[in-house]
Amino acid sequence: MAKCPKCGSVIGSLVHVESGIMTSSYGEVYEQDEFQPDGNTSYYECPECGGVIADKEEKAKKKLEAA
């Protein structure tokens, strides 16, 4: 398992953070959500401390596989 370089926690997965616009449609009942990435922010962070581990998906996968 990989370790977070910031907090030292053993991590088996990362949290993907991406900015964009979320729209929801409501009528008499909840209908749907749509997420449209805006391309401004995208990174992968430690689920324990929130420290940024990687800025690209490929790098994030390599960090997890390296351990």
PDB file of N, CA and C in Angstrom:
ATOM      1  N   MET A   1       0.829  -1.194   0.000  1.00  0.00           N
ATOM      2  CA  MET A   1       0.000   0.000   0.000  1.00  0.00           C
ATOM      3  C   MET A   1       0.872   1.256   0.000  1.00  0.00           C
ATOM      4  N   ALA A   2       0.362   2.277  -0.627  1.00  0.00           N
ATOM      5  CA  ALA A   2       1.068   3.554  -0.694  1.00  0.00           C
ATOM      6  C   ALA A   2       0.899   4.321   0.612  1.00  0.00           C
ATOM      7  N   LYS A   3       1.829   5.230   0.871  1.00  0.00           N
ATOM      8  CA  LYS A   3       1.737   6.091   2.050  1.00  0.00           C
ATOM      9  C   LYS A   3       1.662   7.538   1.591  1.00  0.00           C
ATOM     10  N   CYS A   4       0.856   8.315   2.289  1.00  0.00           N
ATOM     11  CA  CYS A   4       0.755   9.743   2.004  1.00  0.00           C
ATOM     12  C   CYS A   4       2.053  10.423   2.429  1.00  0.00           C
ATOM     13  N   PRO A   5       2.662  11.209   1.540  1.00  0.00           N
ATOM     14  CA  PRO A   5       3.904  11.899   1.911  1.00  0.00           C
ATOM     15  C   PRO A   5       3.689  13.011   2.941  1.00  0.00           C
ATOM     16  N   LYS A   6       2.454  13.472   3.089  1.00  0.00           N
ATOM     17  CA  LYS A   6       2.180  14.562   4.022  1.00  0.00           C
ATOM     18  C   LYS A   6       1.908  14.049   5.439  1.00  0.00           C
ATOM     19  N   CYS A   7       0.975  13.067   5.562  1.00  0.00           N
ATOM     20  CA  CYS A   7       0.590  12.614   6.902  1.00  0.00           C
ATOM     21  C   CYS A   7       1.100  11.221   7.244  1.00  0.00           C
ATOM     22  N   GLY A   8       1.595  10.471   6.253  1.00  0.00           N
ATOM     23  CA  GLY A   8       2.135   9.142   6.499  1.00  0.00           C
ATOM     24  C   GLY A   8       1.094   8.034   6.554  1.00  0.00           C
ATOM     25  N   SER A   9      -0.180   8.362   6.355  1.00  0.00           N
ATOM     26  CA  SER A   9      -1.231   7.343   6.390  1.00  0.00           C
ATOM     27  C   SER A   9      -1.087   6.384   5.216  1.00  0.00           C
ATOM     28  N   VAL A  10      -1.416   5.121   5.464  1.00  0.00           N
ATOM     29  CA  VAL A  10      -1.450   4.133   4.394  1.00  0.00           C
ATOM     30  C   VAL A  10      -2.727   4.378   3.599  1.00  0.00           C
ATOM     31  N   ILE A  11      -2.582   4.529   2.283  1.00  0.00           N
ATOM     32  CA  ILE A  11      -3.741   4.834   1.446  1.00  0.00           C
ATOM     33  C   ILE A  11      -3.882   3.807   0.326  1.00  0.00           C
ATOM     34  N   GLY A  12      -5.106   3.355   0.117  1.00  0.00           N
ATOM     35  CA  GLY A  12      -5.399   2.410  -0.948  1.00  0.00           C
ATOM     36  C   GLY A  12      -6.176   3.043  -2.076  1.00  0.00           C
ATOM     37  N   SER A  13      -6.586   4.293  -1.853  1.00  0.00           N
ATOM     38  CA  SER A  13      -7.326   5.034  -2.880  1.00  0.00           C
ATOM     39  C   SER A  13      -7.096   6.523  -2.655  1.00  0.00           C
ATOM     40  N   LEU A  14      -7.435   7.308  -3.658  1.00  0.00           N
ATOM     41  CA  LEU A  14      -7.310   8.762  -3.570  1.00  0.00           C
ATOM     42  C   LEU A  14      -8.652   9.407  -3.865  1.00  0.00           C
ATOM     43  N   VAL A  15      -8.826  10.626  -3.412  1.00  0.00           N
ATOM     44  CA  VAL A  15     -10.036  11.395  -3.683  1.00  0.00           C
ATOM     45  C   VAL A  15      -9.749  12.311  -4.867  1.00  0.00           C
ATOM     46  N   HIS A  16     -10.596  12.248  -5.896  1.00  0.00           N
ATOM     47  CA  HIS A  16     -10.436  13.115  -7.062  1.00  0.00           C
ATOM     48  C   HIS A  16     -11.267  14.374  -6.840  1.00  0.00           C
ATOM     49  N   VAL A  17     -10.623  15.526  -6.874  1.00  0.00           N
ATOM     50  CA  VAL A  17     -11.278  16.815  -6.697  1.00  0.00           C
ATOM     51  C   VAL A  17     -11.264  17.523  -8.045  1.00  0.00           C
ATOM     52  N   GLU A  18     -12.439  17.946  -8.504  1.00  0.00           N
ATOM     53  CA  GLU A  18     -12.540  18.605  -9.807  1.00  0.00           C
ATOM     54  C   GLU A  18     -13.564  19.723  -9.720  1.00  0.00           C
ATOM     55  N   SER A  19     -13.210  20.887 -10.253  1.00  0.00           N
ATOM     56  CA  SER A  19     -14.150  22.000 -10.229  1.00  0.00           C
ATOM     57  C   SER A  19     -15.026  21.964 -11.469  1.00  0.00           C
ATOM     58  N   GLY A  20     -16.214  22.522 -11.332  1.00  0.00           N
ATOM     59  CA  GLY A  20     -17.145  22.564 -12.447  1.00  0.00           C
ATOM     60  C   GLY A  20     -18.492  23.085 -11.999  1.00  0.00           C
ATOM     61  N   ILE A  21     -19.473  22.846 -12.829  1.00  0.00           N
ATOM     62  CA  ILE A  21     -20.825  23.317 -12.553  1.00  0.00           C
ATOM     63  C   ILE A  21     -21.741  22.111 -12.390  1.00  0.00           C
ATOM     64  N   MET A  22     -22.437  22.051 -11.243  1.00  0.00           N
ATOM     65  CA  MET A  22     -23.401  20.988 -10.982  1.00  0.00           C
ATOM     66  C   MET A  22     -24.797  21.586 -11.114  1.00  0.00           C
ATOM     67  N   THR A  23     -25.589  20.992 -11.956  1.00  0.00           N
ATOM     68  CA  THR A  23     -26.974  21.438 -12.097  1.00  0.00           C
ATOM     69  C   THR A  23     -27.890  20.287 -11.704  1.00  0.00           C
ATOM     70  N   SER A  24     -28.967  20.618 -11.026  1.00  0.00           N
ATOM     71  CA  SER A  24     -29.946  19.626 -10.596  1.00  0.00           C
ATOM     72  C   SER A  24     -31.318  20.037 -11.109  1.00  0.00           C
ATOM     73  N   SER A  25     -32.106  19.060 -11.503  1.00  0.00           N
ATOM     74  CA  SER A  25     -33.464  19.312 -11.961  1.00  0.00           C
ATOM     75  C   SER A  25     -34.437  18.739 -10.945  1.00  0.00           C
ATOM     76  N   TYR A  26     -35.384  19.550 -10.523  1.00  0.00           N
ATOM     77  CA  TYR A  26     -36.391  19.117  -9.567  1.00  0.00           C
ATOM     78  C   TYR A  26     -37.771  19.454 -10.108  1.00  0.00           C
ATOM     79  N   GLY A  27     -38.682  18.559  -9.939  1.00  0.00           N
ATOM     80  CA  GLY A  27     -40.080  18.799 -10.249  1.00  0.00           C
ATOM     81  C   GLY A  27     -40.839  18.394  -9.008  1.00  0.00           C
ATOM     82  N   GLU A  28     -41.839  17.557  -9.176  1.00  0.00           N
ATOM     83  CA  GLU A  28     -42.533  17.014  -8.007  1.00  0.00           C
ATOM     84  C   GLU A  28     -41.628  16.044  -7.269  1.00  0.00           C
ATOM     85  N   VAL A  29     -40.709  15.436  -8.015  1.00  0.00           N
ATOM     86  CA  VAL A  29     -39.702  14.556  -7.425  1.00  0.00           C
ATOM     87  C   VAL A  29     -38.349  14.929  -8.020  1.00  0.00           C
ATOM     88  N   TYR A  30     -37.290  14.505  -7.339  1.00  0.00           N
ATOM     89  CA  TYR A  30     -35.938  14.731  -7.840  1.00  0.00           C
ATOM     90  C   TYR A  30     -35.798  14.039  -9.187  1.00  0.00           C
ATOM     91  N   GLU A  31     -35.191  14.711 -10.166  1.00  0.00           N
ATOM     92  CA  GLU A  31     -35.080  14.127 -11.495  1.00  0.00           C
ATOM     93  C   GLU A  31     -33.660  13.755 -11.890  1.00  0.00           C
ATOM     94  N   GLN A  32     -32.722  14.695 -11.916  1.00  0.00           N
ATOM     95  CA  GLN A  32     -31.363  14.345 -12.327  1.00  0.00           C
ATOM     96  C   GLN A  32     -30.358  15.408 -11.950  1.00  0.00           C
ATOM     97  N   ASP A  33     -29.087  15.005 -11.937  1.00  0.00           N
ATOM     98  CA  ASP A  33     -27.953  15.900 -11.741  1.00  0.00           C
ATOM     99  C   ASP A  33     -27.088  15.837 -12.984  1.00  0.00           C
ATOM    100  N   GLU A  34     -26.456  16.940 -13.290  1.00  0.00           N
ATOM    101  CA  GLU A  34     -25.469  16.978 -14.370  1.00  0.00           C
ATOM    102  C   GLU A  34     -24.244  17.710 -13.858  1.00  0.00           C
ATOM    103  N   PHE A  35     -23.067  17.146 -14.128  1.00  0.00           N
ATOM    104  CA  PHE A  35     -21.817  17.794 -13.750  1.00  0.00           C
ATOM    105  C   PHE A  35     -21.042  18.119 -15.013  1.00  0.00           C
ATOM    106  N   GLN A  36     -20.636  19.370 -15.131  1.00  0.00           N
ATOM    107  CA  GLN A  36     -19.854  19.813 -16.281  1.00  0.00           C
ATOM    108  C   GLN A  36     -18.520  20.355 -15.769  1.00  0.00           C
ATOM    109  N   PRO A  37     -17.418  19.598 -15.956  1.00  0.00           N
ATOM    110  CA  PRO A  37     -16.109  20.091 -15.522  1.00  0.00           C
ATOM    111  C   PRO A  37     -15.762  21.393 -16.243  1.00  0.00           C
ATOM    112  N   ASP A  38     -15.122  22.304 -15.524  1.00  0.00           N
ATOM    113  CA  ASP A  38     -14.732  23.568 -16.157  1.00  0.00           C
ATOM    114  C   ASP A  38     -13.257  23.589 -16.561  1.00  0.00           C
ATOM    115  N   GLY A  39     -12.524  22.540 -16.209  1.00  0.00           N
ATOM    116  CA  GLY A  39     -11.124  22.446 -16.613  1.00  0.00           C
ATOM    117  C   GLY A  39     -10.163  23.292 -15.794  1.00  0.00           C
ATOM    118  N   ASN A  40     -10.643  23.988 -14.782  1.00  0.00           N
ATOM    119  CA  ASN A  40      -9.772  24.862 -13.990  1.00  0.00           C
ATOM    120  C   ASN A  40      -9.006  24.126 -12.903  1.00  0.00           C
ATOM    121  N   THR A  41      -9.656  23.207 -12.199  1.00  0.00           N
ATOM    122  CA  THR A  41      -9.029  22.530 -11.078  1.00  0.00           C
ATOM    123  C   THR A  41      -9.280  21.036 -11.157  1.00  0.00           C
ATOM    124  N   SER A  42      -8.238  20.251 -11.050  1.00  0.00           N
ATOM    125  CA  SER A  42      -8.372  18.805 -10.995  1.00  0.00           C
ATOM    126  C   SER A  42      -7.124  18.247 -10.320  1.00  0.00           C
ATOM    127  N   TYR A  43      -7.313  17.545  -9.206  1.00  0.00           N
ATOM    128  CA  TYR A  43      -6.190  16.931  -8.518  1.00  0.00           C
ATOM    129  C   TYR A  43      -6.671  15.747  -7.684  1.00  0.00           C
ATOM    130  N   TYR A  44      -5.720  14.975  -7.190  1.00  0.00           N
ATOM    131  CA  TYR A  44      -5.999  13.789  -6.391  1.00  0.00           C
ATOM    132  C   TYR A  44      -5.382  13.995  -5.022  1.00  0.00           C
ATOM    133  N   GLU A  45      -6.188  13.743  -3.966  1.00  0.00           N
ATOM    134  CA  GLU A  45      -5.719  14.011  -2.620  1.00  0.00           C
ATOM    135  C   GLU A  45      -5.854  12.800  -1.708  1.00  0.00           C
ATOM    136  N   CYS A  46      -5.125  12.851  -0.618  1.00  0.00           N
ATOM    137  CA  CYS A  46      -5.168  11.822   0.417  1.00  0.00           C
ATOM    138  C   CYS A  46      -6.541  11.856   1.086  1.00  0.00           C
ATOM    139  N   PRO A  47      -7.192  10.692   1.252  1.00  0.00           N
ATOM    140  CA  PRO A  47      -8.496  10.675   1.905  1.00  0.00           C
ATOM    141  C   PRO A  47      -8.427  10.964   3.405  1.00  0.00           C
ATOM    142  N   GLU A  48      -7.250  10.877   3.984  1.00  0.00           N
ATOM    143  CA  GLU A  48      -7.103  11.113   5.421  1.00  0.00           C
ATOM    144  C   GLU A  48      -6.860  12.585   5.760  1.00  0.00           C
ATOM    145  N   CYS A  49      -5.896  13.222   5.065  1.00  0.00           N
ATOM    146  CA  CYS A  49      -5.510  14.588   5.443  1.00  0.00           C
ATOM    147  C   CYS A  49      -5.839  15.638   4.385  1.00  0.00           C
ATOM    148  N   GLY A  50      -6.205  15.208   3.184  1.00  0.00           N
ATOM    149  CA  GLY A  50      -6.510  16.164   2.122  1.00  0.00           C
ATOM    150  C   GLY A  50      -5.286  16.697   1.401  1.00  0.00           C
ATOM    151  N   GLY A  51      -4.115  16.145   1.704  1.00  0.00           N
ATOM    152  CA  GLY A  51      -2.898  16.578   1.026  1.00  0.00           C
ATOM    153  C   GLY A  51      -2.915  16.181  -0.437  1.00  0.00           C
ATOM    154  N   VAL A  52      -2.485  17.074  -1.308  1.00  0.00           N
ATOM    155  CA  VAL A  52      -2.465  16.796  -2.742  1.00  0.00           C
ATOM    156  C   VAL A  52      -1.363  15.783  -3.046  1.00  0.00           C
ATOM    157  N   ILE A  53      -1.744  14.680  -3.711  1.00  0.00           N
ATOM    158  CA  ILE A  53      -0.820  13.609  -4.054  1.00  0.00           C
ATOM    159  C   ILE A  53      -0.377  13.719  -5.505  1.00  0.00           C
ATOM    160  N   ALA A  54      -1.295  14.086  -6.399  1.00  0.00           N
ATOM    161  CA  ALA A  54      -0.990  14.159  -7.830  1.00  0.00           C
ATOM    162  C   ALA A  54      -1.964  15.116  -8.518  1.00  0.00           C
ATOM    163  N   ASP A  55      -1.510  15.643  -9.668  1.00  0.00           N
ATOM    164  CA  ASP A  55      -2.366  16.552 -10.422  1.00  0.00           C
ATOM    165  C   ASP A  55      -2.954  15.914 -11.679  1.00  0.00           C
ATOM    166  N   LYS A  56      -2.515  14.716 -12.004  1.00  0.00           N
ATOM    167  CA  LYS A  56      -3.008  14.005 -13.192  1.00  0.00           C
ATOM    168  C   LYS A  56      -3.370  12.570 -12.795  1.00  0.00           C
ATOM    169  N   GLU A  57      -4.353  11.993 -13.504  1.00  0.00           N
ATOM    170  CA  GLU A  57      -4.790  10.632 -13.205  1.00  0.00           C
ATOM    171  C   GLU A  57      -3.656   9.620 -13.338  1.00  0.00           C
ATOM    172  N   GLU A  58      -2.838   9.763 -14.370  1.00  0.00           N
ATOM    173  CA  GLU A  58      -1.731   8.827 -14.587  1.00  0.00           C
ATOM    174  C   GLU A  58      -0.754   8.846 -13.413  1.00  0.00           C
ATOM    175  N   LYS A  59      -0.445  10.049 -12.930  1.00  0.00           N
ATOM    176  CA  LYS A  59       0.471  10.179 -11.797  1.00  0.00           C
ATOM    177  C   LYS A  59      -0.137   9.572 -10.534  1.00  0.00           C
ATOM    178  N   ALA A  60      -1.438   9.778 -10.340  1.00  0.00           N
ATOM    179  CA  ALA A  60      -2.121   9.228  -9.169  1.00  0.00           C
ATOM    180  C   ALA A  60      -2.066   7.705  -9.181  1.00  0.00           C
ATOM    181  N   LYS A  61      -2.325   7.099 -10.344  1.00  0.00           N
ATOM    182  CA  LYS A  61      -2.269   5.642 -10.459  1.00  0.00           C
ATOM    183  C   LYS A  61      -0.867   5.120 -10.179  1.00  0.00           C
ATOM    184  N   LYS A  62       0.150   5.807 -10.694  1.00  0.00           N
ATOM    185  CA  LYS A  62       1.529   5.380 -10.470  1.00  0.00           C
ATOM    186  C   LYS A  62       1.890   5.448  -8.985  1.00  0.00           C
ATOM    187  N   LYS A  63       1.435   6.485  -8.291  1.00  0.00           N
ATOM    188  CA  LYS A  63       1.733   6.626  -6.847  1.00  0.00           C
ATOM    189  C   LYS A  63       1.122   5.474  -6.075  1.00  0.00           C
ATOM    190  N   LEU A  64      -0.120   5.088  -6.445  1.00  0.00           N
ATOM    191  CA  LEU A  64      -0.778   3.984  -5.736  1.00  0.00           C
ATOM    192  C   LEU A  64      -0.136   2.645  -6.065  1.00  0.00           C
ATOM    193  N   GLU A  65       0.308   2.470  -7.302  1.00  0.00           N
ATOM    194  CA  GLU A  65       0.903   1.204  -7.730  1.00  0.00           C
ATOM    195  C   GLU A  65       2.345   1.052  -7.265  1.00  0.00           C
ATOM    196  N   ALA A  66       3.007   2.147  -6.964  1.00  0.00           N
ATOM    197  CA  ALA A  66       4.431   2.128  -6.613  1.00  0.00           C
ATOM    198  C   ALA A  66       4.710   1.412  -5.298  1.00  0.00           C
ATOM    199  N   ALA A  67       3.750   1.346  -4.448  1.00  0.00           N
ATOM    200  CA  ALA A  67       3.982   0.758  -3.119  1.00  0.00           C
ATOM    201  C   ALA A  67       3.922  -0.747  -3.122  1.00  0.00           C
TER     202      ALA A  67
END
